[in-house]
Amino acid sequence: MTGATPWGEMMRAAMRMGIAPEAFWRLSLKEWRMLTEAPRGTAPMGRAGLAKLMEDWPDGG
């Protein structure tokens, strides 16, 4: 790990998320990362995926 921990930046991000200072300081590093990292996994379905889904499963109405 390089450099100092950006506590000010982290606290401002927590405040933007509505996390009170007392709650921020009770968070573990693992919890903080869960709150701030981008989710991993598959990307949301795009137009092509939706079109294929609609083709495979027509409404029949």
C-alpha atoms as a PDB file:
ATOM      1  CA  MET A   1       0.000   0.000   0.000  1.00  0.00           C
ATOM      2  CA  THR A   2       1.411   3.384  -0.915  1.00  0.00           C
ATOM      3  CA  GLY A   3       0.705   6.804   0.519  1.00  0.00           C
ATOM      4  CA  ALA A   4      -1.523   7.893   3.336  1.00  0.00           C
ATOM      5  CA  THR A   5      -5.107   6.749   3.739  1.00  0.00           C
ATOM      6  CA  PRO A   6      -7.380   9.445   2.229  1.00  0.00           C
ATOM      7  CA  TRP A   7      -9.596   9.794   5.335  1.00  0.00           C
ATOM      8  CA  GLY A   8     -11.036  13.152   4.262  1.00  0.00           C
ATOM      9  CA  GLU A   9     -12.030  11.860   0.838  1.00  0.00           C
ATOM     10  CA  MET A  10     -13.503   8.719   2.365  1.00  0.00           C
ATOM     11  CA  MET A  11     -15.481  10.718   4.955  1.00  0.00           C
ATOM     12  CA  ARG A  12     -16.876  13.049   2.268  1.00  0.00           C
ATOM     13  CA  ALA A  13     -17.942  10.027   0.184  1.00  0.00           C
ATOM     14  CA  ALA A  14     -19.624   8.524   3.252  1.00  0.00           C
ATOM     15  CA  MET A  15     -21.505  11.763   3.890  1.00  0.00           C
ATOM     16  CA  ARG A  16     -22.704  11.833   0.252  1.00  0.00           C
ATOM     17  CA  MET A  17     -24.013   8.283   0.779  1.00  0.00           C
ATOM     18  CA  GLY A  18     -25.846   9.411   3.902  1.00  0.00           C
ATOM     19  CA  ILE A  19     -23.562   7.589   6.323  1.00  0.00           C
ATOM     20  CA  ALA A  20     -23.209   9.465   9.619  1.00  0.00           C
ATOM     21  CA  PRO A  21     -19.679   9.956  11.005  1.00  0.00           C
ATOM     22  CA  GLU A  22     -20.338   7.572  13.905  1.00  0.00           C
ATOM     23  CA  ALA A  23     -21.442   4.846  11.476  1.00  0.00           C
ATOM     24  CA  PHE A  24     -18.492   5.552   9.160  1.00  0.00           C
ATOM     25  CA  TRP A  25     -15.974   4.933  11.946  1.00  0.00           C
ATOM     26  CA  ARG A  26     -17.697   1.656  12.891  1.00  0.00           C
ATOM     27  CA  LEU A  27     -17.350   0.252   9.348  1.00  0.00           C
ATOM     28  CA  SER A  28     -14.705  -2.377   8.731  1.00  0.00           C
ATOM     29  CA  LEU A  29     -12.460  -1.952   5.704  1.00  0.00           C
ATOM     30  CA  LYS A  30     -14.268  -4.882   4.083  1.00  0.00           C
ATOM     31  CA  GLU A  31     -17.651  -3.178   4.605  1.00  0.00           C
ATOM     32  CA  TRP A  32     -16.305   0.104   3.219  1.00  0.00           C
ATOM     33  CA  ARG A  33     -15.035  -1.640   0.104  1.00  0.00           C
ATOM     34  CA  MET A  34     -18.413  -3.352  -0.391  1.00  0.00           C
ATOM     35  CA  LEU A  35     -20.113   0.048  -0.256  1.00  0.00           C
ATOM     36  CA  THR A  36     -17.734   1.838  -2.598  1.00  0.00           C
ATOM     37  CA  GLU A  37     -16.375  -0.633  -5.148  1.00  0.00           C
ATOM     38  CA  ALA A  38     -18.130  -1.246  -8.431  1.00  0.00           C
ATOM     39  CA  PRO A  39     -20.043  -4.514  -8.433  1.00  0.00           C
ATOM     40  CA  ARG A  40     -18.302  -7.448 -10.041  1.00  0.00           C
ATOM     41  CA  GLY A  41     -19.973  -9.872 -12.369  1.00  0.00           C
ATOM     42  CA  THR A  42     -21.973  -9.604 -15.496  1.00  0.00           C
ATOM     43  CA  ALA A  43     -22.840  -6.323 -17.089  1.00  0.00           C
ATOM     44  CA  PRO A  44     -26.480  -5.280 -17.410  1.00  0.00           C
ATOM     45  CA  MET A  45     -28.358  -6.664 -20.413  1.00  0.00           C
ATOM     46  CA  GLY A  46     -28.009  -4.534 -23.534  1.00  0.00           C
ATOM     47  CA  ARG A  47     -30.464  -3.968 -26.376  1.00  0.00           C
ATOM     48  CA  ALA A  48     -29.258  -6.997 -28.315  1.00  0.00           C
ATOM     49  CA  GLY A  49     -29.786  -9.247 -25.296  1.00  0.00           C
ATOM     50  CA  LEU A  50     -33.273  -7.855 -24.747  1.00  0.00           C
ATOM     51  CA  ALA A  51     -34.164  -8.317 -28.422  1.00  0.00           C
ATOM     52  CA  LYS A  52     -32.975 -11.943 -28.277  1.00  0.00           C
ATOM     53  CA  LEU A  53     -34.948 -12.553 -25.094  1.00  0.00           C
ATOM     54  CA  MET A  54     -38.089 -11.068 -26.672  1.00  0.00           C
ATOM     55  CA  GLU A  55     -37.572 -13.211 -29.762  1.00  0.00           C
ATOM     56  CA  ASP A  56     -37.100 -16.377 -27.700  1.00  0.00           C
ATOM     57  CA  TRP A  57     -40.028 -15.651 -25.396  1.00  0.00           C
ATOM     58  CA  PRO A  58     -42.723 -13.794 -27.376  1.00  0.00           C
ATOM     59  CA  ASP A  59     -45.623 -12.351 -25.464  1.00  0.00           C
ATOM     60  CA  GLY A  60     -48.201 -14.125 -27.599  1.00  0.00           C
ATOM     61  CA  GLY A  61     -50.702 -11.378 -26.859  1.00  0.00           C
END
